[in-house]
Amino acid sequence: MNRFGTIGLLVMASLLIGCEDQAMQALGQLESDRIELVAEVFEPILNIAVREGDELDAGTMILYQDTSRVEIRIVEAQANIVRIEAVLAEQISGPRLETIAAVKASLNEAEIDHVFRGRDLERLLGLRQQNLTSIESVDTAKKYVELAMARIEIVKAQLQELEAGTRQEQIQQTNGMLQQARAQLASLEFDKQRHAIAAPVAAIVDSLPFEIGESPRQGDVVAVLLSGEQPYARLYIPESVRVQLRPGSSLQVHVDGLDGPLTGTIRRISSEASFTPYFALTERDRGRLSYVAEVALPAMQNRLPDGVPVQVNFE
């Protein structure tokens, strides 16, 4: 074998060794669970209470949007509740005594008028017997008597309605209207709370895409948070060691910039390869498959930054 053939074999051998070394390593980077907070209303931002990089506790307010529009609707809903409550109180109390007294007086007036009309009819009937008046005048007098009697019946019915009080069905309807108005007020007050964006969990502010005065559209991301006391290592596990690993397995994770490895615990590992399914590959190509794993890291005094490369070596 000549000198060039020997060099070629050495290069191929070194490449094979490099491939084997890479196959026994899991590479990745530090990542955190991202929480994207979106605007639920289309209103301008009045105040941003935090800055990028701040560490937040759960419930910490991040920004506030203008509530002028919803506050006007709340005042309107409150006034509507007051009106319906007054109507309900009036229905429960029933008619005033003065109103009943007025109707009784109208009934007395109608009865007096009926008596007067009856006497007038008797007088005209006597005159008619003497042929001193016309038939038309007698008929007109009879109609007045009938009208007076009808008026008595109407006023009696009005008096009975007042004395009976408000019907229970009307009170139930008003109660339903009152409950609906209160529900509308509660909905508006809940909408007002949606104008303030708070941190749902303890996290770090990663980015704030909007400035004070801007009006994000409904659904726009207004804050991105990174949750967790420590980022996790997102690794690509080689196919050759996948069968040996499962959630709960410990790994020695090397983080760029740290002197020694960190002992991490696999919290999740995918059951499917990241690329072509293994059954579509040859035995040689299957060695190139990788499985995404998330490895939880121990707590440290300072939080590690996201995006730093990490590595795990398998023996």
Protein backbone atom coordinates (compact mmCIF):
# COMPACT_ATOMS: atom_id res chain seq x y z
CA MET A 1 0.00 0.00 0.00
CA ASN A 2 1.38 3.42 -0.94
CA ARG A 3 1.63 6.47 1.29
CA PHE A 4 -1.60 8.08 0.01
CA GLY A 5 -3.59 4.90 0.73
CA THR A 6 -2.35 4.84 4.31
CA ILE A 7 -3.34 8.48 4.85
CA GLY A 8 -6.83 7.75 3.48
CA LEU A 9 -7.35 4.87 5.88
CA LEU A 10 -6.26 7.04 8.81
CA VAL A 11 -8.72 9.80 7.81
CA MET A 12 -11.60 7.31 7.51
CA ALA A 13 -10.72 5.79 10.88
CA SER A 14 -10.67 9.21 12.53
CA LEU A 15 -14.06 10.04 11.00
CA LEU A 16 -15.53 6.78 12.29
CA ILE A 17 -14.15 7.45 15.76
CA GLY A 18 -15.62 10.96 15.65
CA CYS A 19 -19.01 9.60 14.64
CA GLU A 20 -18.92 7.07 17.47
CA ASP A 21 -17.97 9.83 19.94
CA GLN A 22 -20.83 11.97 18.71
CA ALA A 23 -23.22 9.02 18.94
CA MET A 24 -22.34 8.68 22.65
CA GLN A 25 -23.10 12.31 23.41
CA ALA A 26 -26.32 14.23 23.93
CA LEU A 27 -26.13 17.89 22.97
CA GLY A 28 -28.60 20.68 23.62
CA GLN A 29 -29.09 23.95 25.45
CA LEU A 30 -30.70 25.48 28.49
CA GLU A 31 -34.34 26.48 28.08
CA SER A 32 -37.23 27.60 30.24
CA ASP A 33 -40.96 27.13 29.97
CA ARG A 34 -42.23 30.25 28.24
CA ILE A 35 -45.46 31.88 29.34
CA GLU A 36 -46.99 34.28 26.84
CA LEU A 37 -49.47 36.75 28.32
CA VAL A 38 -51.87 38.26 25.80
CA ALA A 39 -54.04 41.37 25.80
CA GLU A 40 -57.70 40.54 26.25
CA VAL A 41 -58.99 44.03 25.39
CA PHE A 42 -58.15 46.61 22.74
CA GLU A 43 -57.19 49.53 24.99
CA PRO A 44 -54.01 51.64 25.34
CA ILE A 45 -51.38 50.71 27.93
CA LEU A 46 -51.28 53.26 30.75
CA ASN A 47 -48.54 51.81 32.93
CA ILE A 48 -45.88 49.08 32.81
CA ALA A 49 -44.90 48.15 36.36
CA VAL A 50 -41.94 45.85 35.61
CA ARG A 51 -38.83 45.71 33.45
CA GLU A 52 -37.25 42.97 31.41
CA GLY A 53 -35.20 40.69 33.65
CA ASP A 54 -37.25 41.35 36.81
CA GLU A 55 -38.07 38.37 39.00
CA LEU A 56 -41.78 38.28 39.76
CA ASP A 57 -43.89 36.51 42.35
CA ALA A 58 -47.21 34.96 41.41
CA GLY A 59 -49.86 37.69 41.17
CA THR A 60 -47.42 40.56 40.57
CA MET A 61 -48.98 43.17 38.27
CA ILE A 62 -47.10 43.63 35.00
CA LEU A 63 -49.06 46.29 33.13
CA TYR A 64 -52.34 48.18 33.18
CA GLN A 65 -54.62 49.15 30.29
CA ASP A 66 -57.12 52.01 30.14
CA THR A 67 -60.42 51.18 31.90
CA SER A 68 -62.40 54.36 31.05
CA ARG A 69 -64.72 52.64 28.60
CA VAL A 70 -65.64 49.73 30.87
CA GLU A 71 -66.07 52.02 33.89
CA ILE A 72 -68.77 53.99 32.04
CA ARG A 73 -70.61 50.75 31.33
CA ILE A 74 -70.26 49.75 35.01
CA VAL A 75 -71.91 53.02 36.11
CA GLU A 76 -74.74 52.41 33.65
CA ALA A 77 -75.23 48.84 34.95
CA GLN A 78 -75.29 50.06 38.56
CA ALA A 79 -77.97 52.64 37.72
CA ASN A 80 -80.05 49.95 36.02
CA ILE A 81 -79.85 47.79 39.15
CA VAL A 82 -81.04 50.69 41.32
CA ARG A 83 -84.01 51.26 39.00
CA ILE A 84 -85.06 47.59 39.02
CA GLU A 85 -84.67 47.37 42.79
CA ALA A 86 -87.03 50.34 43.17
CA VAL A 87 -89.60 48.70 40.89
CA LEU A 88 -89.36 45.47 42.89
CA ALA A 89 -89.77 47.32 46.21
CA GLU A 90 -92.85 49.06 44.84
CA GLN A 91 -94.35 45.77 43.69
CA ILE A 92 -93.72 44.07 47.03
CA SER A 93 -95.16 47.00 49.02
CA GLY A 94 -98.27 47.11 46.88
CA PRO A 95 -100.37 50.19 45.99
CA ARG A 96 -100.40 53.23 48.27
CA LEU A 97 -103.41 53.81 50.54
CA GLU A 98 -103.97 57.16 48.84
CA THR A 99 -104.32 55.41 45.47
CA ILE A 100 -106.91 53.00 46.86
CA ALA A 101 -108.82 55.89 48.46
CA ALA A 102 -108.88 57.72 45.13
CA VAL A 103 -110.33 54.70 43.34
CA LYS A 104 -112.97 54.27 46.06
CA ALA A 105 -113.96 57.89 45.53
CA SER A 106 -114.25 57.26 41.79
CA LEU A 107 -116.50 54.28 42.55
CA ASN A 108 -118.71 56.37 44.79
CA GLU A 109 -118.94 59.01 42.06
CA ALA A 110 -119.90 56.37 39.50
CA GLU A 111 -122.65 54.98 41.78
CA ILE A 112 -124.09 58.47 42.36
CA ASP A 113 -124.10 59.11 38.63
CA HIS A 114 -125.87 55.79 38.08
CA VAL A 115 -128.60 56.72 40.57
CA PHE A 116 -129.03 60.11 38.92
CA ARG A 117 -129.27 58.56 35.47
CA GLY A 118 -131.83 56.03 36.74
CA ARG A 119 -134.07 58.72 38.20
CA ASP A 120 -133.81 60.74 35.01
CA LEU A 121 -134.87 57.67 33.04
CA GLU A 122 -137.89 57.13 35.34
CA ARG A 123 -138.90 60.77 34.86
CA LEU A 124 -138.69 60.48 31.07
CA LEU A 125 -140.67 57.25 31.10
CA GLY A 126 -143.48 59.02 32.99
CA LEU A 127 -143.45 61.85 30.50
CA ARG A 128 -143.50 59.39 27.65
CA GLN A 129 -146.63 57.78 29.04
CA GLN A 130 -148.25 61.21 28.87
CA ASN A 131 -146.79 61.67 25.37
CA LEU A 132 -144.85 64.68 26.58
CA THR A 133 -141.44 63.52 25.35
CA SER A 134 -139.99 61.63 22.41
CA ILE A 135 -138.93 58.02 22.19
CA GLU A 136 -135.40 59.12 21.31
CA SER A 137 -134.98 60.96 24.60
CA VAL A 138 -136.03 57.83 26.50
CA ASP A 139 -133.60 55.69 24.54
CA THR A 140 -130.78 58.18 25.21
CA ALA A 141 -131.55 58.10 28.92
CA LYS A 142 -131.39 54.26 28.90
CA LYS A 143 -127.95 54.39 27.25
CA TYR A 144 -126.68 56.81 29.92
CA VAL A 145 -127.90 54.41 32.59
CA GLU A 146 -126.07 51.53 30.93
CA LEU A 147 -122.87 53.60 30.57
CA ALA A 148 -123.03 54.58 34.25
CA MET A 149 -123.36 50.91 35.21
CA ALA A 150 -120.41 49.94 32.99
CA ARG A 151 -118.30 52.62 34.62
CA ILE A 152 -119.18 51.19 38.05
CA GLU A 153 -117.99 47.73 36.93
CA ILE A 154 -114.72 49.15 35.59
CA VAL A 155 -113.93 51.07 38.78
CA LYS A 156 -114.85 48.05 40.92
CA ALA A 157 -112.40 45.91 38.94
CA GLN A 158 -109.67 48.53 39.41
CA LEU A 159 -110.32 48.61 43.15
CA GLN A 160 -110.18 44.82 43.41
CA GLU A 161 -106.88 44.79 41.52
CA LEU A 162 -105.37 47.37 43.86
CA GLU A 163 -106.61 45.61 47.00
CA ALA A 164 -105.25 42.26 45.76
CA GLY A 165 -101.75 43.74 45.35
CA THR A 166 -99.08 42.88 42.77
CA ARG A 167 -99.29 39.44 41.18
CA GLN A 168 -96.60 36.97 42.22
CA GLU A 169 -95.71 36.38 38.56
CA GLN A 170 -94.84 40.07 38.13
CA ILE A 171 -92.60 39.98 41.19
CA GLN A 172 -90.85 36.87 39.81
CA GLN A 173 -90.30 38.60 36.47
CA THR A 174 -88.81 41.64 38.17
CA ASN A 175 -86.59 39.40 40.31
CA GLY A 176 -85.34 37.76 37.12
CA MET A 177 -84.57 41.15 35.59
CA LEU A 178 -82.68 42.12 38.75
CA GLN A 179 -80.58 38.94 38.70
CA GLN A 180 -79.77 39.51 35.04
CA ALA A 181 -78.71 43.11 35.72
CA ARG A 182 -76.48 41.99 38.59
CA ALA A 183 -74.90 39.32 36.39
CA GLN A 184 -74.18 41.96 33.74
CA LEU A 185 -72.51 44.14 36.39
CA ALA A 186 -70.39 41.21 37.59
CA SER A 187 -69.36 40.51 34.00
CA LEU A 188 -68.31 44.12 33.49
CA GLU A 189 -66.33 44.14 36.73
CA PHE A 190 -64.58 40.96 35.58
CA ASP A 191 -63.82 42.64 32.25
CA LYS A 192 -62.28 45.53 34.19
CA GLN A 193 -59.94 43.11 35.95
CA ARG A 194 -58.81 41.84 32.54
CA HIS A 195 -57.35 45.28 31.86
CA ALA A 196 -54.58 44.46 34.36
CA ILE A 197 -52.07 41.77 33.34
CA ALA A 198 -50.51 39.85 36.26
CA ALA A 199 -47.94 37.06 36.50
CA PRO A 200 -49.80 33.73 36.90
CA VAL A 201 -46.76 32.06 38.54
CA ALA A 202 -43.36 33.06 39.86
CA ALA A 203 -41.28 33.87 36.79
CA ILE A 204 -38.73 36.16 35.15
CA VAL A 205 -39.74 38.83 32.63
CA ASP A 206 -38.14 37.86 29.33
CA SER A 207 -39.62 40.50 27.02
CA LEU A 208 -42.18 43.32 26.94
CA PRO A 209 -43.07 43.92 23.27
CA PHE A 210 -45.20 47.06 23.81
CA GLU A 211 -44.55 50.51 25.23
CA ILE A 212 -46.74 52.82 27.32
CA GLY A 213 -49.36 54.47 25.11
CA GLU A 214 -49.53 51.68 22.55
CA SER A 215 -52.78 49.78 22.04
CA PRO A 216 -52.23 46.05 21.56
CA ARG A 217 -54.93 44.23 19.68
CA GLN A 218 -56.91 41.54 21.43
CA GLY A 219 -54.74 38.42 21.45
CA ASP A 220 -51.40 40.22 21.01
CA VAL A 221 -48.58 39.03 23.30
CA VAL A 222 -47.82 41.83 25.77
CA ALA A 223 -45.37 39.97 28.03
CA VAL A 224 -43.23 36.83 27.83
CA LEU A 225 -42.22 35.17 31.10
CA LEU A 226 -39.74 32.42 31.89
CA SER A 227 -41.01 30.16 34.66
CA GLY A 228 -39.13 27.94 37.07
CA GLU A 229 -36.34 28.57 39.58
CA GLN A 230 -33.86 27.11 37.09
CA PRO A 231 -33.97 26.44 33.35
CA TYR A 232 -33.97 22.83 32.21
CA ALA A 233 -31.61 21.16 29.76
CA ARG A 234 -33.21 20.33 26.45
CA LEU A 235 -31.15 17.45 25.03
CA TYR A 236 -31.24 15.26 21.95
CA ILE A 237 -30.68 11.70 23.15
CA PRO A 238 -28.95 9.31 20.66
CA GLU A 239 -30.88 6.24 19.59
CA SER A 240 -28.16 3.92 20.94
CA VAL A 241 -28.83 4.92 24.58
CA ARG A 242 -32.53 5.73 24.40
CA VAL A 243 -33.60 2.33 25.75
CA GLN A 244 -31.53 2.89 28.91
CA LEU A 245 -33.22 6.16 29.83
CA ARG A 246 -36.64 6.95 31.23
CA PRO A 247 -38.25 9.77 33.27
CA GLY A 248 -36.49 9.88 36.62
CA SER A 249 -33.09 8.80 35.29
CA SER A 250 -30.11 10.87 36.46
CA LEU A 251 -27.63 12.44 34.06
CA GLN A 252 -24.42 14.40 34.51
CA VAL A 253 -25.02 17.59 32.52
CA HIS A 254 -22.05 19.72 31.49
CA VAL A 255 -22.99 23.39 31.12
CA ASP A 256 -20.67 25.68 29.22
CA GLY A 257 -19.04 28.08 31.67
CA LEU A 258 -19.34 25.85 34.76
CA ASP A 259 -16.35 23.98 36.14
CA GLY A 260 -18.12 20.74 36.95
CA PRO A 261 -21.22 18.86 35.78
CA LEU A 262 -24.67 19.21 37.32
CA THR A 263 -26.73 16.20 38.32
CA GLY A 264 -30.01 16.46 36.45
CA THR A 265 -33.12 14.32 36.38
CA ILE A 266 -35.04 13.49 33.22
CA ARG A 267 -38.56 14.85 33.59
CA ARG A 268 -39.74 14.02 30.09
CA ILE A 269 -38.41 12.15 27.12
CA SER A 270 -40.16 11.79 23.79
CA SER A 271 -41.33 8.41 22.60
CA GLU A 272 -40.92 9.35 18.95
CA ALA A 273 -37.75 10.23 17.11
CA SER A 274 -37.26 13.80 16.04
CA PHE A 275 -36.70 12.87 12.41
CA THR A 276 -37.59 9.96 10.10
CA PRO A 277 -39.37 7.06 11.91
CA TYR A 278 -36.99 4.22 12.74
CA PHE A 279 -38.94 1.60 10.78
CA ALA A 280 -38.29 3.58 7.58
CA LEU A 281 -34.52 3.50 8.08
CA THR A 282 -31.79 0.93 7.73
CA GLU A 283 -30.00 -0.38 10.79
CA ARG A 284 -27.07 1.93 10.05
CA ASP A 285 -29.27 5.01 9.68
CA ARG A 286 -31.15 4.31 12.90
CA GLY A 287 -28.03 5.29 14.82
CA ARG A 288 -28.60 8.86 13.65
CA LEU A 289 -31.97 9.15 15.33
CA SER A 290 -32.38 11.33 18.39
CA TYR A 291 -35.08 11.74 21.02
CA VAL A 292 -35.84 15.04 22.73
CA ALA A 293 -35.47 14.96 26.51
CA GLU A 294 -36.03 17.60 29.16
CA VAL A 295 -33.68 17.32 32.14
CA ALA A 296 -34.46 19.22 35.34
CA LEU A 297 -31.42 20.81 36.95
CA PRO A 298 -30.80 21.42 40.67
CA ALA A 299 -31.42 24.82 42.26
CA MET A 300 -28.45 27.16 42.40
CA GLN A 301 -27.74 30.49 44.02
CA ASN A 302 -27.93 32.26 40.67
CA ARG A 303 -30.27 31.33 37.85
CA LEU A 304 -28.53 30.03 34.76
CA PRO A 305 -29.22 31.95 31.53
CA ASP A 306 -31.27 30.42 28.75
CA GLY A 307 -29.60 29.40 25.50
CA VAL A 308 -26.30 28.18 26.97
CA PRO A 309 -25.08 24.95 25.30
CA VAL A 310 -25.10 21.77 27.41
CA GLN A 311 -23.72 18.29 26.86
CA VAL A 312 -24.09 14.81 28.37
CA ASN A 313 -21.50 12.10 27.79
CA PHE A 314 -22.50 8.44 27.84
CA GLU A 315 -19.91 5.71 28.56
